[in-house]
Amino acid sequence: MGDSIYNFITGLALLATVAVVGGLIYLFSQPNPYQESLRMTQLALLPTQAVFPSSTPSNTPTITPIPSSTRPPTFTPTFTETLSPTPSATFTPTVTVSPTITDTPGATATPTITSTPTVTPTFTLTPTPTGPTAIPTATTSPFLFNLREPLSFSTNFANAAGCLWQGAGGAVYGIDGQPIPLDRGYVVHIFNDFVDRTAVVGTNSQYGAVSGWEIALDTQPNTQLYFVVLESTIGTEISPRIQVQFPGTCEGNTAILNFRQQR
């Protein structure tokens, strides 16, 4: 296919050459307009009384072009289909892996253990003060009320249920030690995961004529843990939460908690 293209291009170049030669021959066969104009000017300048015969031949010589039979014959390109050779199988050389060189490590140097100096702590003796032992200052509680005395347990005495009952009771006192009246609206709240009950201070005279209260928690003694807290009329806790763990006996089925205002 490539040879056919080259032959075609060669033929076109040959035809272009013949056309250029023919054009040059045609140009040379025509009279030169500049020379003809110059000749006519010279004739006009000659005197009229002396007329010399014109040296210009009657017939203008004409350049005879080369007969067309002498031109090179027109080349007609012949397209020859060139078959592409079928690619043969490519030989893939086999790479022979050279044996792996094993790097044998030399003897490993044994590190020298550097002993770290031990720091011996220096103890500073604190002088022991002489005289009486100072009494630590009590921390002021953030709550308005706290227990007047430690929590205690007793046999049920405030109702006729006897051992078929478990609960808590007590009274609330002011900073002057006097019972808090009912109109203050203070509430005792006892709760755990199974019980949530309240009682208004001053509603049970068995624990105090003015500020007594009582809350029933079960119909028999148990050992559950309860939380007891004194609250204001709007539900604000005004005492710390007291943990009450009943012993689970008839002799301890009543918890006694008396609160007192501390500031």
C-alpha atoms as a PDB file:
ATOM      1  CA  MET A   1       0.000   0.000   0.000  1.00  0.00           C
ATOM      2  CA  GLY A   2       2.928   2.391   0.770  1.00  0.00           C
ATOM      3  CA  ASP A   3       4.531   1.791  -2.693  1.00  0.00           C
ATOM      4  CA  SER A   4       1.230   2.648  -4.419  1.00  0.00           C
ATOM      5  CA  ILE A   5       1.064   5.996  -2.612  1.00  0.00           C
ATOM      6  CA  TYR A   6       4.640   6.808  -3.577  1.00  0.00           C
ATOM      7  CA  ASN A   7       3.922   5.913  -7.275  1.00  0.00           C
ATOM      8  CA  PHE A   8       0.861   8.121  -7.279  1.00  0.00           C
ATOM      9  CA  ILE A   9       2.784  11.088  -5.858  1.00  0.00           C
ATOM     10  CA  THR A  10       5.562  10.582  -8.448  1.00  0.00           C
ATOM     11  CA  GLY A  11       3.008  10.640 -11.249  1.00  0.00           C
ATOM     12  CA  LEU A  12       1.516  13.875  -9.963  1.00  0.00           C
ATOM     13  CA  ALA A  13       4.971  15.469  -9.797  1.00  0.00           C
ATOM     14  CA  LEU A  14       5.712  14.400 -13.409  1.00  0.00           C
ATOM     15  CA  LEU A  15       2.439  15.879 -14.673  1.00  0.00           C
ATOM     16  CA  ALA A  16       3.224  19.159 -12.836  1.00  0.00           C
ATOM     17  CA  THR A  17       6.671  19.306 -14.516  1.00  0.00           C
ATOM     18  CA  VAL A  18       5.174  18.816 -18.004  1.00  0.00           C
ATOM     19  CA  ALA A  19       2.658  21.600 -17.312  1.00  0.00           C
ATOM     20  CA  VAL A  20       5.407  24.025 -16.236  1.00  0.00           C
ATOM     21  CA  VAL A  21       7.518  23.281 -19.383  1.00  0.00           C
ATOM     22  CA  GLY A  22       4.526  23.787 -21.656  1.00  0.00           C
ATOM     23  CA  GLY A  23       3.759  27.139 -20.008  1.00  0.00           C
ATOM     24  CA  LEU A  24       7.328  28.356 -20.532  1.00  0.00           C
ATOM     25  CA  ILE A  25       7.240  27.392 -24.233  1.00  0.00           C
ATOM     26  CA  TYR A  26       4.010  29.330 -24.682  1.00  0.00           C
ATOM     27  CA  LEU A  27       5.461  32.452 -23.065  1.00  0.00           C
ATOM     28  CA  PHE A  28       8.569  32.408 -25.275  1.00  0.00           C
ATOM     29  CA  SER A  29       6.471  32.012 -28.457  1.00  0.00           C
ATOM     30  CA  GLN A  30       4.695  35.372 -27.920  1.00  0.00           C
ATOM     31  CA  PRO A  31       6.312  38.741 -29.100  1.00  0.00           C
ATOM     32  CA  ASN A  32       7.902  40.945 -26.456  1.00  0.00           C
ATOM     33  CA  PRO A  33       5.545  43.914 -26.007  1.00  0.00           C
ATOM     34  CA  TYR A  34       8.363  46.163 -24.729  1.00  0.00           C
ATOM     35  CA  GLN A  35      10.563  45.665 -27.816  1.00  0.00           C
ATOM     36  CA  GLU A  36       7.612  46.238 -30.147  1.00  0.00           C
ATOM     37  CA  SER A  37       6.763  49.516 -28.430  1.00  0.00           C
ATOM     38  CA  LEU A  38      10.383  50.663 -28.643  1.00  0.00           C
ATOM     39  CA  ARG A  39      10.536  49.870 -32.354  1.00  0.00           C
ATOM     40  CA  MET A  40       7.390  51.882 -33.100  1.00  0.00           C
ATOM     41  CA  THR A  41       8.809  54.872 -31.209  1.00  0.00           C
ATOM     42  CA  GLN A  42      12.015  54.823 -33.242  1.00  0.00           C
ATOM     43  CA  LEU A  43      10.097  54.750 -36.523  1.00  0.00           C
ATOM     44  CA  ALA A  44       8.117  57.837 -35.533  1.00  0.00           C
ATOM     45  CA  LEU A  45      11.298  59.850 -34.876  1.00  0.00           C
ATOM     46  CA  LEU A  46      12.759  59.267 -38.371  1.00  0.00           C
ATOM     47  CA  PRO A  47      12.449  62.180 -40.988  1.00  0.00           C
ATOM     48  CA  THR A  48       9.576  61.812 -43.355  1.00  0.00           C
ATOM     49  CA  GLN A  49      11.501  62.758 -46.521  1.00  0.00           C
ATOM     50  CA  ALA A  50      13.918  59.935 -46.178  1.00  0.00           C
ATOM     51  CA  VAL A  51      12.052  56.739 -45.873  1.00  0.00           C
ATOM     52  CA  PHE A  52      14.199  53.738 -45.571  1.00  0.00           C
ATOM     53  CA  PRO A  53      12.883  50.332 -46.017  1.00  0.00           C
ATOM     54  CA  SER A  54      11.897  48.752 -42.764  1.00  0.00           C
ATOM     55  CA  SER A  55      14.390  46.308 -41.473  1.00  0.00           C
ATOM     56  CA  THR A  56      11.619  44.493 -39.729  1.00  0.00           C
ATOM     57  CA  PRO A  57      10.805  41.356 -41.647  1.00  0.00           C
ATOM     58  CA  SER A  58       7.364  41.094 -43.000  1.00  0.00           C
ATOM     59  CA  ASN A  59       6.772  37.962 -41.080  1.00  0.00           C
ATOM     60  CA  THR A  60       7.513  37.787 -37.346  1.00  0.00           C
ATOM     61  CA  PRO A  61       9.463  34.662 -36.643  1.00  0.00           C
ATOM     62  CA  THR A  62       7.458  32.246 -34.554  1.00  0.00           C
ATOM     63  CA  ILE A  63       9.043  29.803 -32.189  1.00  0.00           C
ATOM     64  CA  THR A  64       7.883  26.434 -33.164  1.00  0.00           C
ATOM     65  CA  PRO A  65       6.890  24.503 -30.000  1.00  0.00           C
ATOM     66  CA  ILE A  66       8.160  21.030 -29.442  1.00  0.00           C
ATOM     67  CA  PRO A  67       5.770  18.571 -31.002  1.00  0.00           C
ATOM     68  CA  SER A  68       3.585  16.883 -28.469  1.00  0.00           C
ATOM     69  CA  SER A  69       4.902  13.569 -29.678  1.00  0.00           C
ATOM     70  CA  THR A  70       8.287  14.448 -28.147  1.00  0.00           C
ATOM     71  CA  ARG A  71       6.771  15.003 -24.665  1.00  0.00           C
ATOM     72  CA  PRO A  72       7.277  12.287 -22.107  1.00  0.00           C
ATOM     73  CA  PRO A  73       4.434   9.819 -22.057  1.00  0.00           C
ATOM     74  CA  THR A  74       1.798  10.318 -19.354  1.00  0.00           C
ATOM     75  CA  PHE A  75       2.433   7.956 -16.440  1.00  0.00           C
ATOM     76  CA  THR A  76      -0.596   6.161 -15.170  1.00  0.00           C
ATOM     77  CA  PRO A  77       0.031   4.918 -11.605  1.00  0.00           C
ATOM     78  CA  THR A  78      -0.860   1.328 -10.987  1.00  0.00           C
ATOM     79  CA  PHE A  79      -1.956   0.530  -7.452  1.00  0.00           C
ATOM     80  CA  THR A  80      -0.498  -2.669  -6.188  1.00  0.00           C
ATOM     81  CA  GLU A  81      -1.891  -4.106  -2.942  1.00  0.00           C
ATOM     82  CA  THR A  82       0.934  -4.967  -0.633  1.00  0.00           C
ATOM     83  CA  LEU A  83       0.079  -7.692   1.790  1.00  0.00           C
ATOM     84  CA  SER A  84       1.250  -7.183   5.335  1.00  0.00           C
ATOM     85  CA  PRO A  85       3.145 -10.136   6.633  1.00  0.00           C
ATOM     86  CA  THR A  86       1.459 -12.114   9.365  1.00  0.00           C
ATOM     87  CA  PRO A  87       3.284 -11.462  12.634  1.00  0.00           C
ATOM     88  CA  SER A  88       5.033 -14.478  13.890  1.00  0.00           C
ATOM     89  CA  ALA A  89       4.968 -15.619  17.493  1.00  0.00           C
ATOM     90  CA  THR A  90       7.178 -13.509  19.742  1.00  0.00           C
ATOM     91  CA  PHE A  91       9.816 -15.450  21.560  1.00  0.00           C
ATOM     92  CA  THR A  92       9.769 -14.729  25.282  1.00  0.00           C
ATOM     93  CA  PRO A  93      13.124 -15.414  26.877  1.00  0.00           C
ATOM     94  CA  THR A  94      13.121 -17.331  30.106  1.00  0.00           C
ATOM     95  CA  VAL A  95      14.789 -15.435  32.935  1.00  0.00           C
ATOM     96  CA  THR A  96      16.900 -17.643  35.098  1.00  0.00           C
ATOM     97  CA  VAL A  97      16.809 -16.427  38.687  1.00  0.00           C
ATOM     98  CA  SER A  98      20.215 -16.341  40.219  1.00  0.00           C
ATOM     99  CA  PRO A  99      20.551 -17.979  43.585  1.00  0.00           C
ATOM    100  CA  THR A 100      19.791 -15.727  46.568  1.00  0.00           C
ATOM    101  CA  ILE A 101      22.800 -14.714  48.522  1.00  0.00           C
ATOM    102  CA  THR A 102      22.133 -15.266  52.197  1.00  0.00           C
ATOM    103  CA  ASP A 103      23.567 -12.570  54.371  1.00  0.00           C
ATOM    104  CA  THR A 104      25.089 -14.315  57.354  1.00  0.00           C
ATOM    105  CA  PRO A 105      25.197 -11.858  60.239  1.00  0.00           C
ATOM    106  CA  GLY A 106      28.328 -11.652  62.195  1.00  0.00           C
ATOM    107  CA  ALA A 107      28.671 -11.941  65.881  1.00  0.00           C
ATOM    108  CA  THR A 108      26.321  -9.621  67.783  1.00  0.00           C
ATOM    109  CA  ALA A 109      28.029  -7.417  70.289  1.00  0.00           C
ATOM    110  CA  THR A 110      26.713  -7.944  73.785  1.00  0.00           C
ATOM    111  CA  PRO A 111      25.553  -4.575  75.188  1.00  0.00           C
ATOM    112  CA  THR A 112      27.161  -3.439  78.360  1.00  0.00           C
ATOM    113  CA  ILE A 113      24.663  -2.875  81.155  1.00  0.00           C
ATOM    114  CA  THR A 114      25.126   0.573  82.645  1.00  0.00           C
ATOM    115  CA  SER A 115      24.085   0.714  86.218  1.00  0.00           C
ATOM    116  CA  THR A 116      21.667   3.499  87.062  1.00  0.00           C
ATOM    117  CA  PRO A 117      22.460   5.264  90.311  1.00  0.00           C
ATOM    118  CA  THR A 118      19.724   4.857  92.899  1.00  0.00           C
ATOM    119  CA  VAL A 119      18.391   8.032  94.411  1.00  0.00           C
ATOM    120  CA  THR A 120      18.063   7.729  98.140  1.00  0.00           C
ATOM    121  CA  PRO A 121      15.172   9.876  99.368  1.00  0.00           C
ATOM    122  CA  THR A 122      15.936  12.292 102.143  1.00  0.00           C
ATOM    123  CA  PHE A 123      13.263  12.407 104.808  1.00  0.00           C
ATOM    124  CA  THR A 124      12.615  15.684 106.575  1.00  0.00           C
ATOM    125  CA  LEU A 125      11.492  15.264 110.143  1.00  0.00           C
ATOM    126  CA  THR A 126       8.371  17.227 110.996  1.00  0.00           C
ATOM    127  CA  PRO A 127       8.484  18.595 114.502  1.00  0.00           C
ATOM    128  CA  THR A 128       5.687  17.339 116.729  1.00  0.00           C
ATOM    129  CA  PRO A 129       3.822  20.242 118.306  1.00  0.00           C
ATOM    130  CA  THR A 130       3.622  20.242 122.069  1.00  0.00           C
ATOM    131  CA  GLY A 131       0.594  21.075 124.112  1.00  0.00           C
ATOM    132  CA  PRO A 132      -3.069  19.967 123.765  1.00  0.00           C
ATOM    133  CA  THR A 133      -4.391  18.491 120.493  1.00  0.00           C
ATOM    134  CA  ALA A 134      -6.316  21.023 118.417  1.00  0.00           C
ATOM    135  CA  ILE A 135     -10.005  20.279 117.881  1.00  0.00           C
ATOM    136  CA  PRO A 136     -10.904  20.364 114.160  1.00  0.00           C
ATOM    137  CA  THR A 137     -13.428  22.990 113.130  1.00  0.00           C
ATOM    138  CA  ALA A 138     -16.777  21.556 112.088  1.00  0.00           C
ATOM    139  CA  THR A 139     -17.680  22.019 108.425  1.00  0.00           C
ATOM    140  CA  THR A 140     -20.836  24.073 107.941  1.00  0.00           C
ATOM    141  CA  SER A 141     -23.523  22.083 106.126  1.00  0.00           C
ATOM    142  CA  PRO A 142     -25.135  23.720 103.095  1.00  0.00           C
ATOM    143  CA  PHE A 143     -28.540  22.439 104.286  1.00  0.00           C
ATOM    144  CA  LEU A 144     -30.880  24.308 106.631  1.00  0.00           C
ATOM    145  CA  PHE A 145     -31.788  21.156 108.647  1.00  0.00           C
ATOM    146  CA  ASN A 146     -29.966  17.979 109.743  1.00  0.00           C
ATOM    147  CA  LEU A 147     -30.567  15.122 112.179  1.00  0.00           C
ATOM    148  CA  ARG A 148     -30.804  16.261 115.785  1.00  0.00           C
ATOM    149  CA  GLU A 149     -29.370  12.922 116.990  1.00  0.00           C
ATOM    150  CA  PRO A 150     -28.174   9.771 115.190  1.00  0.00           C
ATOM    151  CA  LEU A 151     -30.687   7.473 113.502  1.00  0.00           C
ATOM    152  CA  SER A 152     -32.207   4.811 115.803  1.00  0.00           C
ATOM    153  CA  PHE A 153     -34.570   1.805 115.494  1.00  0.00           C
ATOM    154  CA  SER A 154     -37.304   0.629 117.881  1.00  0.00           C
ATOM    155  CA  THR A 155     -40.353  -1.631 118.111  1.00  0.00           C
ATOM    156  CA  ASN A 156     -43.546  -0.272 116.597  1.00  0.00           C
ATOM    157  CA  PHE A 157     -45.245   1.767 119.320  1.00  0.00           C
ATOM    158  CA  ALA A 158     -47.271   4.347 117.420  1.00  0.00           C
ATOM    159  CA  ASN A 159     -50.016   2.069 115.979  1.00  0.00           C
ATOM    160  CA  ALA A 160     -51.767  -1.252 116.576  1.00  0.00           C
ATOM    161  CA  ALA A 161     -50.187  -3.157 113.620  1.00  0.00           C
ATOM    162  CA  GLY A 162     -47.326  -4.409 115.785  1.00  0.00           C
ATOM    163  CA  CYS A 163     -44.843  -6.547 113.775  1.00  0.00           C
ATOM    164  CA  LEU A 164     -47.090  -6.490 110.698  1.00  0.00           C
ATOM    165  CA  TRP A 165     -45.767  -3.032 109.900  1.00  0.00           C
ATOM    166  CA  GLN A 166     -42.534  -1.223 109.032  1.00  0.00           C
ATOM    167  CA  GLY A 167     -42.052   2.492 108.728  1.00  0.00           C
ATOM    168  CA  ALA A 168     -40.405   5.652 109.989  1.00  0.00           C
ATOM    169  CA  GLY A 169     -41.413   8.584 112.154  1.00  0.00           C
ATOM    170  CA  GLY A 170     -40.085  11.532 114.098  1.00  0.00           C
ATOM    171  CA  ALA A 171     -40.393  15.279 114.663  1.00  0.00           C
ATOM    172  CA  VAL A 172     -38.876  18.527 113.337  1.00  0.00           C
ATOM    173  CA  TYR A 173     -37.472  21.283 115.599  1.00  0.00           C
ATOM    174  CA  GLY A 174     -36.372  24.861 114.990  1.00  0.00           C
ATOM    175  CA  ILE A 175     -33.004  26.433 115.728  1.00  0.00           C
ATOM    176  CA  ASP A 176     -34.291  27.323 119.217  1.00  0.00           C
ATOM    177  CA  GLY A 177     -35.192  23.669 119.893  1.00  0.00           C
ATOM    178  CA  GLN A 178     -38.948  24.274 119.670  1.00  0.00           C
ATOM    179  CA  PRO A 179     -41.168  22.059 117.438  1.00  0.00           C
ATOM    180  CA  ILE A 180     -41.910  23.364 113.946  1.00  0.00           C
ATOM    181  CA  PRO A 181     -45.673  24.005 113.622  1.00  0.00           C
ATOM    182  CA  LEU A 182     -47.868  22.477 110.940  1.00  0.00           C
ATOM    183  CA  ASP A 183     -48.354  25.775 109.118  1.00  0.00           C
ATOM    184  CA  ARG A 184     -44.733  25.772 107.927  1.00  0.00           C
ATOM    185  CA  GLY A 185     -45.736  23.109 105.409  1.00  0.00           C
ATOM    186  CA  TYR A 186     -42.497  21.091 105.640  1.00  0.00           C
ATOM    187  CA  VAL A 187     -42.655  17.589 104.128  1.00  0.00           C
ATOM    188  CA  VAL A 188     -40.683  14.397 104.925  1.00  0.00           C
ATOM    189  CA  HIS A 189     -39.931  12.364 101.728  1.00  0.00           C
ATOM    190  CA  ILE A 190     -38.936   8.633 101.853  1.00  0.00           C
ATOM    191  CA  PHE A 191     -38.123   6.709  98.652  1.00  0.00           C
ATOM    192  CA  ASN A 192     -36.135   3.901  96.982  1.00  0.00           C
ATOM    193  CA  ASP A 193     -36.566   1.869  93.792  1.00  0.00           C
ATOM    194  CA  PHE A 194     -39.913   0.442  95.039  1.00  0.00           C
ATOM    195  CA  VAL A 195     -41.411   3.075  97.384  1.00  0.00           C
ATOM    196  CA  ASP A 196     -41.983   6.849  97.094  1.00  0.00           C
ATOM    197  CA  ARG A 197     -44.033   8.350  99.950  1.00  0.00           C
ATOM    198  CA  THR A 198     -44.368  11.674 101.828  1.00  0.00           C
ATOM    199  CA  ALA A 199     -45.853  13.041 105.054  1.00  0.00           C
ATOM    200  CA  VAL A 200     -46.489  16.644 106.204  1.00  0.00           C
ATOM    201  CA  VAL A 201     -44.673  17.667 109.384  1.00  0.00           C
ATOM    202  CA  GLY A 202     -47.149  18.007 112.309  1.00  0.00           C
ATOM    203  CA  THR A 203     -49.700  15.378 111.182  1.00  0.00           C
ATOM    204  CA  ASN A 204     -48.890  12.639 113.782  1.00  0.00           C
ATOM    205  CA  SER A 205     -48.842  13.499 117.464  1.00  0.00           C
ATOM    206  CA  GLN A 206     -47.448  10.065 118.497  1.00  0.00           C
ATOM    207  CA  TYR A 207     -43.931  11.310 117.589  1.00  0.00           C
ATOM    208  CA  GLY A 208     -44.439  14.931 118.702  1.00  0.00           C
ATOM    209  CA  ALA A 209     -47.408  16.962 119.834  1.00  0.00           C
ATOM    210  CA  VAL A 210     -46.752  19.765 117.335  1.00  0.00           C
ATOM    211  CA  SER A 211     -44.321  18.552 114.627  1.00  0.00           C
ATOM    212  CA  GLY A 212     -44.695  14.745 114.630  1.00  0.00           C
ATOM    213  CA  TRP A 213     -44.822  12.742 111.377  1.00  0.00           C
ATOM    214  CA  GLU A 214     -45.013   9.037 110.312  1.00  0.00           C
ATOM    215  CA  ILE A 215     -44.727   7.110 107.017  1.00  0.00           C
ATOM    216  CA  ALA A 216     -45.671   3.420 106.585  1.00  0.00           C
ATOM    217  CA  LEU A 217     -43.315   1.530 104.248  1.00  0.00           C
ATOM    218  CA  ASP A 218     -44.317  -2.167 104.403  1.00  0.00           C
ATOM    219  CA  THR A 219     -46.672  -4.654 106.091  1.00  0.00           C
ATOM    220  CA  GLN A 220     -43.776  -6.700 107.476  1.00  0.00           C
ATOM    221  CA  PRO A 221     -40.127  -6.108 108.424  1.00  0.00           C
ATOM    222  CA  ASN A 222     -37.575  -6.093 105.563  1.00  0.00           C
ATOM    223  CA  THR A 223     -33.939  -5.161 105.065  1.00  0.00           C
ATOM    224  CA  GLN A 224     -34.362  -2.706 102.204  1.00  0.00           C
ATOM    225  CA  LEU A 225     -32.387   0.539 101.942  1.00  0.00           C
ATOM    226  CA  TYR A 226     -34.400   3.788 101.968  1.00  0.00           C
ATOM    227  CA  PHE A 227     -33.523   7.494 101.591  1.00  0.00           C
ATOM    228  CA  VAL A 228     -35.140  10.096 103.894  1.00  0.00           C
ATOM    229  CA  VAL A 229     -35.000  13.867 103.200  1.00  0.00           C
ATOM    230  CA  LEU A 230     -36.789  16.935 104.593  1.00  0.00           C
ATOM    231  CA  GLU A 231     -38.259  19.213 101.892  1.00  0.00           C
ATOM    232  CA  SER A 232     -39.790  22.691 101.754  1.00  0.00           C
ATOM    233  CA  THR A 233     -43.327  23.421 100.590  1.00  0.00           C
ATOM    234  CA  ILE A 234     -42.077  23.757  96.982  1.00  0.00           C
ATOM    235  CA  GLY A 235     -40.089  20.498  97.024  1.00  0.00           C
ATOM    236  CA  THR A 236     -36.605  21.908  97.711  1.00  0.00           C
ATOM    237  CA  GLU A 237     -34.416  19.539  99.735  1.00  0.00           C
ATOM    238  CA  ILE A 238     -33.533  21.389 102.966  1.00  0.00           C
ATOM    239  CA  SER A 239     -31.687  18.471 104.626  1.00  0.00           C
ATOM    240  CA  PRO A 240     -29.153  15.922 103.422  1.00  0.00           C
ATOM    241  CA  ARG A 241     -30.455  12.539 102.242  1.00  0.00           C
ATOM    242  CA  ILE A 242     -30.316  10.105 105.176  1.00  0.00           C
ATOM    243  CA  GLN A 243     -29.754   6.414 104.336  1.00  0.00           C
ATOM    244  CA  VAL A 244     -31.942   4.049 106.383  1.00  0.00           C
ATOM    245  CA  GLN A 245     -31.103   0.303 106.309  1.00  0.00           C
ATOM    246  CA  PHE A 246     -33.702  -1.646 108.316  1.00  0.00           C
ATOM    247  CA  PRO A 247     -32.532  -4.699 110.296  1.00  0.00           C
ATOM    248  CA  GLY A 248     -35.533  -6.772 109.192  1.00  0.00           C
ATOM    249  CA  THR A 249     -36.774  -7.612 112.698  1.00  0.00           C
ATOM    250  CA  CYS A 250     -39.870  -6.753 114.738  1.00  0.00           C
ATOM    251  CA  GLU A 251     -37.678  -5.101 117.331  1.00  0.00           C
ATOM    252  CA  GLY A 252     -36.310  -2.671 114.700  1.00  0.00           C
ATOM    253  CA  ASN A 253     -39.248  -2.148 112.345  1.00  0.00           C
ATOM    254  CA  THR A 254     -39.572   1.569 113.255  1.00  0.00           C
ATOM    255  CA  ALA A 255     -36.889   4.095 112.275  1.00  0.00           C
ATOM    256  CA  ILE A 256     -36.751   7.268 114.404  1.00  0.00           C
ATOM    257  CA  LEU A 257     -35.499  10.444 112.624  1.00  0.00           C
ATOM    258  CA  ASN A 258     -35.763  13.836 114.360  1.00  0.00           C
ATOM    259  CA  PHE A 259     -34.659  16.901 112.357  1.00  0.00           C
ATOM    260  CA  ARG A 260     -33.428  20.251 113.772  1.00  0.00           C
ATOM    261  CA  GLN A 261     -32.708  23.564 112.085  1.00  0.00           C
ATOM    262  CA  GLN A 262     -28.973  24.354 112.342  1.00  0.00           C
ATOM    263  CA  ARG A 263     -28.712  27.899 111.025  1.00  0.00           C
END
